[in-house]
């Protein structure tokens, strides 16, 4: 169907009509962050000459198994270090310049995927006449391990690769979304948990200026970052667990990705998150926001009602406890 083929700046993409919307899945917005590109900023994808079939979701970011995320539809059997793909739902690939909503998934910066069945954009695109975008970004150690202080300039920025991925996806939206029926000047980012925390960081990043105009933060804000000194202690602990000395950090690019992910899973929760470092995030996001970096941006913020029920369902303490333990005093 001609209406399902769109020409991005990298090449043509064939989507699929699904009811009243067209869906394009598995669109690469950066080169695979593998091999020598591990722990480095994302690079633009290679252009292609033939029509690329955009009918299947790309792999999710490689991650440790998680019951909650699997319940939400993240396939543990479809993960890879090659994960920088996005998806688009649109009522039509025309010139109507609809509002664009870009979803940033949660998962404590260690799990999740933009392809989760929970994040299907069909209803928003149909009922709201908007273009919906979801995407993956690097998670855990591959996205947020602070190696610059230990490994030197070659690892500068490694601690915020996940945020750099998000910026690259938002830049892709700016460059391409008009061809999908969207308006690059009316982009709203929205996310939950780590997705909302990411937005709190993005709002404070000078390089993100102009990539989105509105923000919706659900159950997360701008507080969840680490200082460089604390993040370096986390990195030292992980390197020790991997038997890598401070003078041989380069070896971490050769370790199998699954081994790296599984070892990092032994760290305390929320040890691998965005880091205050360098030109990207020079000050704490709350400090930048207090000084007015996003003062003209409309923001909707709150906590999702009954959200914790999802976590308590998977907590064995609730299933094993007696009535006295379960009932709140």
C-alpha atoms as a PDB file:
ATOM      1  CA  UNK A   1       0.000   0.000   0.000  1.00  0.00           C
ATOM      2  CA  UNK A   2       1.530   3.332  -1.061  1.00  0.00           C
ATOM      3  CA  UNK A   3       0.164   5.068   2.060  1.00  0.00           C
ATOM      4  CA  UNK A   4       2.311   2.893   4.293  1.00  0.00           C
ATOM      5  CA  UNK A   5       5.636   3.868   2.671  1.00  0.00           C
ATOM      6  CA  UNK A   6       7.390   6.907   4.115  1.00  0.00           C
ATOM      7  CA  UNK A   7      10.766   8.346   3.157  1.00  0.00           C
ATOM      8  CA  UNK A   8      12.848   9.189   6.203  1.00  0.00           C
ATOM      9  CA  UNK A   9      16.133  11.057   5.896  1.00  0.00           C
ATOM     10  CA  UNK A  10      17.886   7.672   6.007  1.00  0.00           C
ATOM     11  CA  UNK A  11      15.705   5.830   3.492  1.00  0.00           C
ATOM     12  CA  UNK A  12      12.215   4.552   2.751  1.00  0.00           C
ATOM     13  CA  UNK A  13      10.210   2.618   5.347  1.00  0.00           C
ATOM     14  CA  UNK A  14       7.217   0.371   4.767  1.00  0.00           C
ATOM     15  CA  UNK A  15       4.737   0.217   7.628  1.00  0.00           C
ATOM     16  CA  UNK A  16       1.515  -1.691   8.089  1.00  0.00           C
ATOM     17  CA  UNK A  17      -2.109  -0.560   8.201  1.00  0.00           C
ATOM     18  CA  UNK A  18      -3.715  -1.736  11.451  1.00  0.00           C
ATOM     19  CA  UNK A  19      -7.304  -0.612  11.659  1.00  0.00           C
ATOM     20  CA  UNK A  20      -7.402   3.169  11.548  1.00  0.00           C
ATOM     21  CA  UNK A  21      -3.682   3.676  12.070  1.00  0.00           C
ATOM     22  CA  UNK A  22      -0.434   2.890  10.274  1.00  0.00           C
ATOM     23  CA  UNK A  23       2.382   1.421  12.341  1.00  0.00           C
ATOM     24  CA  UNK A  24       6.095   1.452  11.553  1.00  0.00           C
ATOM     25  CA  UNK A  25       8.147  -0.770  13.855  1.00  0.00           C
ATOM     26  CA  UNK A  26      11.818  -1.372  14.446  1.00  0.00           C
ATOM     27  CA  UNK A  27      13.135   1.826  12.859  1.00  0.00           C
ATOM     28  CA  UNK A  28      16.863   2.280  13.619  1.00  0.00           C
ATOM     29  CA  UNK A  29      17.568   5.740  15.000  1.00  0.00           C
ATOM     30  CA  UNK A  30      21.272   5.047  15.615  1.00  0.00           C
ATOM     31  CA  UNK A  31      23.953   2.550  14.708  1.00  0.00           C
ATOM     32  CA  UNK A  32      24.134  -0.567  16.890  1.00  0.00           C
ATOM     33  CA  UNK A  33      26.030   0.468  20.067  1.00  0.00           C
ATOM     34  CA  UNK A  34      28.159  -2.675  19.940  1.00  0.00           C
ATOM     35  CA  UNK A  35      31.857  -3.500  19.744  1.00  0.00           C
ATOM     36  CA  UNK A  36      33.942  -0.350  19.724  1.00  0.00           C
ATOM     37  CA  UNK A  37      30.759   1.741  20.005  1.00  0.00           C
ATOM     38  CA  UNK A  38      29.917   0.287  23.421  1.00  0.00           C
ATOM     39  CA  UNK A  39      29.968   3.030  26.110  1.00  0.00           C
ATOM     40  CA  UNK A  40      30.058   5.715  23.438  1.00  0.00           C
ATOM     41  CA  UNK A  41      27.473   8.269  22.307  1.00  0.00           C
ATOM     42  CA  UNK A  42      25.033   7.009  19.672  1.00  0.00           C
ATOM     43  CA  UNK A  43      25.887   7.643  16.033  1.00  0.00           C
ATOM     44  CA  UNK A  44      23.366   8.217  13.195  1.00  0.00           C
ATOM     45  CA  UNK A  45      22.308   5.048  11.387  1.00  0.00           C
ATOM     46  CA  UNK A  46      23.655   4.096   7.994  1.00  0.00           C
ATOM     47  CA  UNK A  47      21.289   5.118   5.158  1.00  0.00           C
ATOM     48  CA  UNK A  48      19.684   2.407   3.032  1.00  0.00           C
ATOM     49  CA  UNK A  49      18.715   2.428  -0.640  1.00  0.00           C
ATOM     50  CA  UNK A  50      15.893  -0.141  -0.828  1.00  0.00           C
ATOM     51  CA  UNK A  51      12.534   0.093   0.948  1.00  0.00           C
ATOM     52  CA  UNK A  52      13.090  -1.147   4.504  1.00  0.00           C
ATOM     53  CA  UNK A  53      10.340  -3.315   5.971  1.00  0.00           C
ATOM     54  CA  UNK A  54       9.255  -1.765   9.279  1.00  0.00           C
ATOM     55  CA  UNK A  55       6.835  -4.496  10.299  1.00  0.00           C
ATOM     56  CA  UNK A  56       8.481  -6.033  13.373  1.00  0.00           C
ATOM     57  CA  UNK A  57       9.706  -4.531  16.631  1.00  0.00           C
ATOM     58  CA  UNK A  58      13.450  -4.360  17.050  1.00  0.00           C
ATOM     59  CA  UNK A  59      15.122  -6.131  19.979  1.00  0.00           C
ATOM     60  CA  UNK A  60      14.720  -4.651  23.446  1.00  0.00           C
ATOM     61  CA  UNK A  61      17.807  -3.465  25.306  1.00  0.00           C
ATOM     62  CA  UNK A  62      19.642  -6.384  26.847  1.00  0.00           C
ATOM     63  CA  UNK A  63      18.575  -6.710  30.484  1.00  0.00           C
ATOM     64  CA  UNK A  64      18.241  -9.100  33.369  1.00  0.00           C
ATOM     65  CA  UNK A  65      15.051 -11.115  33.705  1.00  0.00           C
ATOM     66  CA  UNK A  66      12.293  -9.277  35.570  1.00  0.00           C
ATOM     67  CA  UNK A  67       8.876 -10.717  36.404  1.00  0.00           C
ATOM     68  CA  UNK A  68       7.076  -7.389  36.388  1.00  0.00           C
ATOM     69  CA  UNK A  69       8.426  -6.393  32.997  1.00  0.00           C
ATOM     70  CA  UNK A  70       7.635  -9.788  31.504  1.00  0.00           C
ATOM     71  CA  UNK A  71       4.095  -9.423  32.861  1.00  0.00           C
ATOM     72  CA  UNK A  72       3.888  -6.076  31.043  1.00  0.00           C
ATOM     73  CA  UNK A  73       4.859  -7.713  27.751  1.00  0.00           C
ATOM     74  CA  UNK A  74       8.629  -7.279  27.486  1.00  0.00           C
ATOM     75  CA  UNK A  75       9.921 -10.417  25.773  1.00  0.00           C
ATOM     76  CA  UNK A  76      12.995 -11.716  27.558  1.00  0.00           C
ATOM     77  CA  UNK A  77      13.840 -13.777  24.482  1.00  0.00           C
ATOM     78  CA  UNK A  78      14.120 -10.738  22.213  1.00  0.00           C
ATOM     79  CA  UNK A  79      16.827  -8.606  23.809  1.00  0.00           C
ATOM     80  CA  UNK A  80      20.133  -7.489  22.367  1.00  0.00           C
ATOM     81  CA  UNK A  81      22.908  -4.978  22.787  1.00  0.00           C
ATOM     82  CA  UNK A  82      21.792  -3.854  19.317  1.00  0.00           C
ATOM     83  CA  UNK A  83      18.632  -2.161  20.597  1.00  0.00           C
ATOM     84  CA  UNK A  84      18.373   1.423  19.355  1.00  0.00           C
ATOM     85  CA  UNK A  85      15.067   1.211  17.512  1.00  0.00           C
ATOM     86  CA  UNK A  86      11.850   3.211  17.625  1.00  0.00           C
ATOM     87  CA  UNK A  87       8.226   2.747  16.577  1.00  0.00           C
ATOM     88  CA  UNK A  88       5.620   5.118  15.146  1.00  0.00           C
ATOM     89  CA  UNK A  89       1.817   5.020  15.166  1.00  0.00           C
ATOM     90  CA  UNK A  90       0.000   7.571  13.001  1.00  0.00           C
ATOM     91  CA  UNK A  91      -3.529   8.048  11.612  1.00  0.00           C
ATOM     92  CA  UNK A  92      -1.946   8.837   8.234  1.00  0.00           C
ATOM     93  CA  UNK A  93       1.354   9.731   6.605  1.00  0.00           C
ATOM     94  CA  UNK A  94       0.078  13.045   5.294  1.00  0.00           C
ATOM     95  CA  UNK A  95       0.702  16.763   5.757  1.00  0.00           C
ATOM     96  CA  UNK A  96      -1.717  17.351   8.666  1.00  0.00           C
ATOM     97  CA  UNK A  97       1.099  18.051  11.169  1.00  0.00           C
ATOM     98  CA  UNK A  98      -0.552  16.403  14.150  1.00  0.00           C
ATOM     99  CA  UNK A  99       0.696  16.742  17.737  1.00  0.00           C
ATOM    100  CA  UNK A 100       3.391  14.179  18.554  1.00  0.00           C
ATOM    101  CA  UNK A 101       3.626  12.200  21.796  1.00  0.00           C
ATOM    102  CA  UNK A 102       6.940  10.481  22.525  1.00  0.00           C
ATOM    103  CA  UNK A 103       6.827   7.832  25.257  1.00  0.00           C
ATOM    104  CA  UNK A 104       9.891   7.076  27.402  1.00  0.00           C
ATOM    105  CA  UNK A 105       9.461   3.748  29.152  1.00  0.00           C
ATOM    106  CA  UNK A 106      10.245   3.062  32.794  1.00  0.00           C
ATOM    107  CA  UNK A 107      11.919   0.156  34.533  1.00  0.00           C
ATOM    108  CA  UNK A 108      14.383   1.617  37.075  1.00  0.00           C
ATOM    109  CA  UNK A 109      16.854   2.321  34.220  1.00  0.00           C
ATOM    110  CA  UNK A 110      17.586  -1.422  34.057  1.00  0.00           C
ATOM    111  CA  UNK A 111      14.538  -3.016  32.393  1.00  0.00           C
ATOM    112  CA  UNK A 112      11.731  -2.228  29.948  1.00  0.00           C
ATOM    113  CA  UNK A 113      11.187  -1.602  26.254  1.00  0.00           C
ATOM    114  CA  UNK A 114       9.279   0.731  23.972  1.00  0.00           C
ATOM    115  CA  UNK A 115       7.794  -2.319  22.251  1.00  0.00           C
ATOM    116  CA  UNK A 116       5.885  -3.534  25.317  1.00  0.00           C
ATOM    117  CA  UNK A 117       2.279  -4.395  24.473  1.00  0.00           C
ATOM    118  CA  UNK A 118       1.261  -2.022  27.268  1.00  0.00           C
ATOM    119  CA  UNK A 119       2.656   0.881  25.243  1.00  0.00           C
ATOM    120  CA  UNK A 120       0.790   0.229  21.998  1.00  0.00           C
ATOM    121  CA  UNK A 121       0.056   3.659  20.527  1.00  0.00           C
ATOM    122  CA  UNK A 122      -3.017   2.698  18.483  1.00  0.00           C
ATOM    123  CA  UNK A 123      -5.673   4.110  20.819  1.00  0.00           C
ATOM    124  CA  UNK A 124      -3.886   7.436  21.281  1.00  0.00           C
ATOM    125  CA  UNK A 125      -3.327   7.803  17.550  1.00  0.00           C
ATOM    126  CA  UNK A 126      -6.948   6.920  16.770  1.00  0.00           C
ATOM    127  CA  UNK A 127      -8.849   8.693  19.530  1.00  0.00           C
ATOM    128  CA  UNK A 128      -6.526  11.658  19.960  1.00  0.00           C
ATOM    129  CA  UNK A 129      -5.522  12.158  16.313  1.00  0.00           C
ATOM    130  CA  UNK A 130      -1.870  12.285  17.369  1.00  0.00           C
ATOM    131  CA  UNK A 131       1.337  10.609  16.242  1.00  0.00           C
ATOM    132  CA  UNK A 132       2.818   8.336  18.908  1.00  0.00           C
ATOM    133  CA  UNK A 133       6.485   7.344  19.133  1.00  0.00           C
ATOM    134  CA  UNK A 134       8.068   4.789  21.479  1.00  0.00           C
ATOM    135  CA  UNK A 135      11.710   3.753  21.594  1.00  0.00           C
ATOM    136  CA  UNK A 136      14.367   1.718  23.370  1.00  0.00           C
ATOM    137  CA  UNK A 137      17.461   3.139  25.016  1.00  0.00           C
ATOM    138  CA  UNK A 138      20.494   1.517  26.614  1.00  0.00           C
ATOM    139  CA  UNK A 139      19.867   0.271  30.146  1.00  0.00           C
ATOM    140  CA  UNK A 140      21.852  -0.689  33.227  1.00  0.00           C
ATOM    141  CA  UNK A 141      25.627  -0.795  32.957  1.00  0.00           C
ATOM    142  CA  UNK A 142      25.567  -0.362  29.183  1.00  0.00           C
ATOM    143  CA  UNK A 143      23.613   2.861  29.552  1.00  0.00           C
ATOM    144  CA  UNK A 144      24.724   4.385  32.853  1.00  0.00           C
ATOM    145  CA  UNK A 145      28.119   3.061  34.028  1.00  0.00           C
ATOM    146  CA  UNK A 146      30.455   5.905  34.980  1.00  0.00           C
ATOM    147  CA  UNK A 147      33.840   4.957  33.536  1.00  0.00           C
ATOM    148  CA  UNK A 148      35.211   8.359  32.562  1.00  0.00           C
ATOM    149  CA  UNK A 149      36.984   8.957  35.858  1.00  0.00           C
ATOM    150  CA  UNK A 150      38.615   5.527  35.771  1.00  0.00           C
ATOM    151  CA  UNK A 151      39.089   4.802  32.083  1.00  0.00           C
ATOM    152  CA  UNK A 152      39.893   8.314  30.908  1.00  0.00           C
ATOM    153  CA  UNK A 153      38.703  10.317  27.910  1.00  0.00           C
ATOM    154  CA  UNK A 154      37.911   7.225  25.852  1.00  0.00           C
ATOM    155  CA  UNK A 155      35.045   6.513  28.243  1.00  0.00           C
ATOM    156  CA  UNK A 156      33.902  10.085  28.748  1.00  0.00           C
ATOM    157  CA  UNK A 157      30.115  10.277  28.848  1.00  0.00           C
ATOM    158  CA  UNK A 158      29.622   6.523  29.307  1.00  0.00           C
ATOM    159  CA  UNK A 159      27.511   7.210  32.393  1.00  0.00           C
ATOM    160  CA  UNK A 160      24.815   8.948  30.357  1.00  0.00           C
ATOM    161  CA  UNK A 161      24.684   6.830  27.194  1.00  0.00           C
ATOM    162  CA  UNK A 162      21.030   6.051  27.926  1.00  0.00           C
ATOM    163  CA  UNK A 163      20.193   9.748  28.055  1.00  0.00           C
ATOM    164  CA  UNK A 164      22.233  10.387  24.897  1.00  0.00           C
ATOM    165  CA  UNK A 165      20.149   7.661  23.231  1.00  0.00           C
ATOM    166  CA  UNK A 166      16.986   9.483  24.275  1.00  0.00           C
ATOM    167  CA  UNK A 167      18.326  12.712  22.788  1.00  0.00           C
ATOM    168  CA  UNK A 168      19.136  10.868  19.550  1.00  0.00           C
ATOM    169  CA  UNK A 169      15.601   9.456  19.365  1.00  0.00           C
ATOM    170  CA  UNK A 170      14.130  12.914  19.939  1.00  0.00           C
ATOM    171  CA  UNK A 171      16.404  14.331  17.233  1.00  0.00           C
ATOM    172  CA  UNK A 172      15.147  11.615  14.888  1.00  0.00           C
ATOM    173  CA  UNK A 173      11.618  12.816  15.626  1.00  0.00           C
ATOM    174  CA  UNK A 174      12.582  16.373  14.765  1.00  0.00           C
ATOM    175  CA  UNK A 175      14.173  15.280  11.501  1.00  0.00           C
ATOM    176  CA  UNK A 176      11.538  12.809  10.321  1.00  0.00           C
ATOM    177  CA  UNK A 177       8.169  12.995  12.035  1.00  0.00           C
ATOM    178  CA  UNK A 178       6.611  15.438   9.575  1.00  0.00           C
ATOM    179  CA  UNK A 179       6.740  12.691   6.922  1.00  0.00           C
ATOM    180  CA  UNK A 180       4.649  10.518   9.267  1.00  0.00           C
ATOM    181  CA  UNK A 181       1.920  13.149   9.653  1.00  0.00           C
ATOM    182  CA  UNK A 182       3.367  14.767  12.783  1.00  0.00           C
ATOM    183  CA  UNK A 183       4.401  18.281  13.780  1.00  0.00           C
ATOM    184  CA  UNK A 184       7.991  18.570  15.068  1.00  0.00           C
ATOM    185  CA  UNK A 185       7.047  21.865  16.728  1.00  0.00           C
ATOM    186  CA  UNK A 186       4.387  20.194  18.901  1.00  0.00           C
ATOM    187  CA  UNK A 187       6.203  17.348  20.620  1.00  0.00           C
ATOM    188  CA  UNK A 188       5.204  16.178  24.091  1.00  0.00           C
ATOM    189  CA  UNK A 189       7.461  13.735  25.924  1.00  0.00           C
ATOM    190  CA  UNK A 190       5.705  11.555  28.471  1.00  0.00           C
ATOM    191  CA  UNK A 191       6.921   8.743  30.666  1.00  0.00           C
ATOM    192  CA  UNK A 192       6.529   6.816  33.896  1.00  0.00           C
ATOM    193  CA  UNK A 193       8.956   5.922  36.697  1.00  0.00           C
ATOM    194  CA  UNK A 194      12.439   5.911  35.120  1.00  0.00           C
ATOM    195  CA  UNK A 195      10.809   7.401  32.021  1.00  0.00           C
ATOM    196  CA  UNK A 196       9.601  10.366  34.061  1.00  0.00           C
ATOM    197  CA  UNK A 197      12.979  10.603  35.808  1.00  0.00           C
ATOM    198  CA  UNK A 198      14.583  10.710  32.365  1.00  0.00           C
ATOM    199  CA  UNK A 199      12.299  13.578  31.382  1.00  0.00           C
ATOM    200  CA  UNK A 200      13.285  15.430  34.554  1.00  0.00           C
ATOM    201  CA  UNK A 201      16.893  15.126  33.359  1.00  0.00           C
ATOM    202  CA  UNK A 202      16.100  16.034  29.736  1.00  0.00           C
ATOM    203  CA  UNK A 203      14.324  19.206  30.835  1.00  0.00           C
ATOM    204  CA  UNK A 204      17.562  20.285  32.523  1.00  0.00           C
ATOM    205  CA  UNK A 205      19.902  19.484  29.620  1.00  0.00           C
ATOM    206  CA  UNK A 206      20.841  22.468  27.414  1.00  0.00           C
ATOM    207  CA  UNK A 207      21.285  20.177  24.364  1.00  0.00           C
ATOM    208  CA  UNK A 208      17.644  19.067  24.647  1.00  0.00           C
ATOM    209  CA  UNK A 209      16.349  22.585  24.061  1.00  0.00           C
ATOM    210  CA  UNK A 210      13.874  22.572  21.177  1.00  0.00           C
ATOM    211  CA  UNK A 211      13.577  18.784  20.929  1.00  0.00           C
ATOM    212  CA  UNK A 212      10.235  18.854  22.768  1.00  0.00           C
ATOM    213  CA  UNK A 213       7.819  21.544  23.851  1.00  0.00           C
ATOM    214  CA  UNK A 214       5.758  19.905  26.623  1.00  0.00           C
ATOM    215  CA  UNK A 215       6.319  17.210  29.242  1.00  0.00           C
ATOM    216  CA  UNK A 216       4.244  14.744  31.249  1.00  0.00           C
ATOM    217  CA  UNK A 217       5.989  13.072  34.193  1.00  0.00           C
ATOM    218  CA  UNK A 218       4.233  10.132  35.843  1.00  0.00           C
ATOM    219  CA  UNK A 219       5.582   8.804  39.158  1.00  0.00           C
ATOM    220  CA  UNK A 220       9.014  10.330  38.751  1.00  0.00           C
ATOM    221  CA  UNK A 221      10.756  13.695  38.644  1.00  0.00           C
ATOM    222  CA  UNK A 222      14.250  15.199  38.505  1.00  0.00           C
ATOM    223  CA  UNK A 223      15.812  13.897  41.720  1.00  0.00           C
ATOM    224  CA  UNK A 224      17.094  10.483  40.658  1.00  0.00           C
ATOM    225  CA  UNK A 225      20.664  11.165  39.569  1.00  0.00           C
ATOM    226  CA  UNK A 226      24.057  10.401  41.074  1.00  0.00           C
ATOM    227  CA  UNK A 227      27.091  12.579  41.644  1.00  0.00           C
ATOM    228  CA  UNK A 228      30.233  11.613  39.766  1.00  0.00           C
ATOM    229  CA  UNK A 229      31.948  10.525  42.983  1.00  0.00           C
ATOM    230  CA  UNK A 230      29.193   8.118  44.010  1.00  0.00           C
ATOM    231  CA  UNK A 231      28.797   6.818  40.451  1.00  0.00           C
ATOM    232  CA  UNK A 232      32.538   6.109  40.318  1.00  0.00           C
ATOM    233  CA  UNK A 233      32.277   3.997  43.477  1.00  0.00           C
ATOM    234  CA  UNK A 234      29.523   1.982  41.785  1.00  0.00           C
ATOM    235  CA  UNK A 235      31.751   1.489  38.757  1.00  0.00           C
ATOM    236  CA  UNK A 236      34.701   0.381  40.879  1.00  0.00           C
ATOM    237  CA  UNK A 237      32.500  -2.194  42.584  1.00  0.00           C
ATOM    238  CA  UNK A 238      31.298  -3.589  39.265  1.00  0.00           C
ATOM    239  CA  UNK A 239      34.796  -3.655  37.750  1.00  0.00           C
ATOM    240  CA  UNK A 240      36.030  -5.580  40.788  1.00  0.00           C
ATOM    241  CA  UNK A 241      33.217  -8.105  40.369  1.00  0.00           C
ATOM    242  CA  UNK A 242      34.297  -8.520  36.735  1.00  0.00           C
ATOM    243  CA  UNK A 243      37.975  -8.882  37.761  1.00  0.00           C
ATOM    244  CA  UNK A 244      38.944  -5.809  35.763  1.00  0.00           C
ATOM    245  CA  UNK A 245      41.641  -3.574  37.249  1.00  0.00           C
ATOM    246  CA  UNK A 246      41.540   0.215  36.976  1.00  0.00           C
ATOM    247  CA  UNK A 247      44.392   0.119  34.483  1.00  0.00           C
ATOM    248  CA  UNK A 248      42.623  -2.247  32.119  1.00  0.00           C
ATOM    249  CA  UNK A 249      39.159  -0.752  31.724  1.00  0.00           C
ATOM    250  CA  UNK A 250      39.291  -1.373  27.959  1.00  0.00           C
ATOM    251  CA  UNK A 251      38.577  -5.041  28.697  1.00  0.00           C
ATOM    252  CA  UNK A 252      34.988  -4.157  29.541  1.00  0.00           C
ATOM    253  CA  UNK A 253      34.264  -3.698  25.836  1.00  0.00           C
ATOM    254  CA  UNK A 254      35.164  -7.345  25.243  1.00  0.00           C
ATOM    255  CA  UNK A 255      33.018  -8.897  27.968  1.00  0.00           C
ATOM    256  CA  UNK A 256      29.836 -10.579  26.681  1.00  0.00           C
ATOM    257  CA  UNK A 257      26.933  -8.205  27.135  1.00  0.00           C
ATOM    258  CA  UNK A 258      24.832 -10.739  29.041  1.00  0.00           C
ATOM    259  CA  UNK A 259      27.651 -11.337  31.530  1.00  0.00           C
ATOM    260  CA  UNK A 260      27.954  -7.604  32.078  1.00  0.00           C
ATOM    261  CA  UNK A 261      24.199  -7.253  32.606  1.00  0.00           C
ATOM    262  CA  UNK A 262      23.960 -10.233  34.952  1.00  0.00           C
ATOM    263  CA  UNK A 263      26.877  -9.016  37.068  1.00  0.00           C
ATOM    264  CA  UNK A 264      25.449  -5.500  37.280  1.00  0.00           C
ATOM    265  CA  UNK A 265      22.150  -6.980  38.463  1.00  0.00           C
ATOM    266  CA  UNK A 266      23.899  -7.741  41.772  1.00  0.00           C
ATOM    267  CA  UNK A 267      24.282  -4.019  42.509  1.00  0.00           C
ATOM    268  CA  UNK A 268      21.755  -2.289  44.790  1.00  0.00           C
ATOM    269  CA  UNK A 269      18.627  -0.932  43.094  1.00  0.00           C
ATOM    270  CA  UNK A 270      18.980   2.440  41.332  1.00  0.00           C
ATOM    271  CA  UNK A 271      22.788   2.256  41.307  1.00  0.00           C
ATOM    272  CA  UNK A 272      22.895   2.790  37.544  1.00  0.00           C
ATOM    273  CA  UNK A 273      21.095   6.036  36.768  1.00  0.00           C
ATOM    274  CA  UNK A 274      21.987   9.334  35.031  1.00  0.00           C
ATOM    275  CA  UNK A 275      25.080  11.062  36.416  1.00  0.00           C
ATOM    276  CA  UNK A 276      25.902  14.735  36.936  1.00  0.00           C
ATOM    277  CA  UNK A 277      28.904  15.080  34.675  1.00  0.00           C
ATOM    278  CA  UNK A 278      30.500  17.152  31.942  1.00  0.00           C
ATOM    279  CA  UNK A 279      28.784  19.428  29.457  1.00  0.00           C
ATOM    280  CA  UNK A 280      25.701  17.230  29.100  1.00  0.00           C
ATOM    281  CA  UNK A 281      24.496  17.518  32.697  1.00  0.00           C
ATOM    282  CA  UNK A 282      26.803  19.985  34.463  1.00  0.00           C
ATOM    283  CA  UNK A 283      24.567  20.550  37.529  1.00  0.00           C
ATOM    284  CA  UNK A 284      21.860  18.655  39.357  1.00  0.00           C
ATOM    285  CA  UNK A 285      18.614  18.734  37.314  1.00  0.00           C
ATOM    286  CA  UNK A 286      16.664  20.179  40.241  1.00  0.00           C
ATOM    287  CA  UNK A 287      19.168  23.030  40.464  1.00  0.00           C
ATOM    288  CA  UNK A 288      18.919  23.768  36.734  1.00  0.00           C
ATOM    289  CA  UNK A 289      15.120  23.670  36.870  1.00  0.00           C
ATOM    290  CA  UNK A 290      15.058  25.946  39.925  1.00  0.00           C
ATOM    291  CA  UNK A 291      17.084  28.468  37.931  1.00  0.00           C
ATOM    292  CA  UNK A 292      14.454  28.406  35.173  1.00  0.00           C
ATOM    293  CA  UNK A 293      15.970  26.351  32.365  1.00  0.00           C
ATOM    294  CA  UNK A 294      12.492  25.014  31.510  1.00  0.00           C
ATOM    295  CA  UNK A 295      10.398  27.874  32.874  1.00  0.00           C
ATOM    296  CA  UNK A 296       8.372  28.313  29.672  1.00  0.00           C
ATOM    297  CA  UNK A 297       7.549  24.632  29.221  1.00  0.00           C
ATOM    298  CA  UNK A 298       4.048  23.368  30.114  1.00  0.00           C
ATOM    299  CA  UNK A 299       4.439  20.398  32.481  1.00  0.00           C
ATOM    300  CA  UNK A 300       1.980  17.868  33.880  1.00  0.00           C
ATOM    301  CA  UNK A 301       3.304  15.914  36.854  1.00  0.00           C
ATOM    302  CA  UNK A 302       1.842  13.463  39.341  1.00  0.00           C
ATOM    303  CA  UNK A 303       1.815   9.934  40.702  1.00  0.00           C
ATOM    304  CA  UNK A 304      -0.201   7.145  39.113  1.00  0.00           C
ATOM    305  CA  UNK A 305      -2.937   5.971  41.460  1.00  0.00           C
ATOM    306  CA  UNK A 306      -2.580   2.398  42.766  1.00  0.00           C
ATOM    307  CA  UNK A 307       0.673   1.946  40.840  1.00  0.00           C
ATOM    308  CA  UNK A 308       2.308   0.120  43.719  1.00  0.00           C
ATOM    309  CA  UNK A 309      -0.254  -2.665  43.502  1.00  0.00           C
ATOM    310  CA  UNK A 310       1.730  -3.983  40.542  1.00  0.00           C
ATOM    311  CA  UNK A 311       4.873  -4.293  42.663  1.00  0.00           C
ATOM    312  CA  UNK A 312       3.118  -5.764  45.703  1.00  0.00           C
ATOM    313  CA  UNK A 313       1.592  -8.462  43.484  1.00  0.00           C
ATOM    314  CA  UNK A 314       5.083  -9.717  42.639  1.00  0.00           C
ATOM    315  CA  UNK A 315       6.477  -9.287  46.165  1.00  0.00           C
ATOM    316  CA  UNK A 316       6.688 -12.737  47.819  1.00  0.00           C
ATOM    317  CA  UNK A 317       6.271 -11.183  51.249  1.00  0.00           C
ATOM    318  CA  UNK A 318       2.623 -10.460  50.481  1.00  0.00           C
ATOM    319  CA  UNK A 319       1.987 -14.034  49.369  1.00  0.00           C
ATOM    320  CA  UNK A 320       3.813 -15.702  52.241  1.00  0.00           C
ATOM    321  CA  UNK A 321       2.749 -13.422  55.069  1.00  0.00           C
ATOM    322  CA  UNK A 322      -0.104 -14.205  57.465  1.00  0.00           C
ATOM    323  CA  UNK A 323      -3.115 -11.932  57.952  1.00  0.00           C
ATOM    324  CA  UNK A 324      -1.456  -9.931  60.721  1.00  0.00           C
ATOM    325  CA  UNK A 325       1.567  -9.160  58.537  1.00  0.00           C
ATOM    326  CA  UNK A 326      -0.508  -8.186  55.497  1.00  0.00           C
ATOM    327  CA  UNK A 327      -3.051  -5.885  57.173  1.00  0.00           C
ATOM    328  CA  UNK A 328      -1.749  -2.343  57.514  1.00  0.00           C
ATOM    329  CA  UNK A 329      -1.684  -1.206  61.179  1.00  0.00           C
END
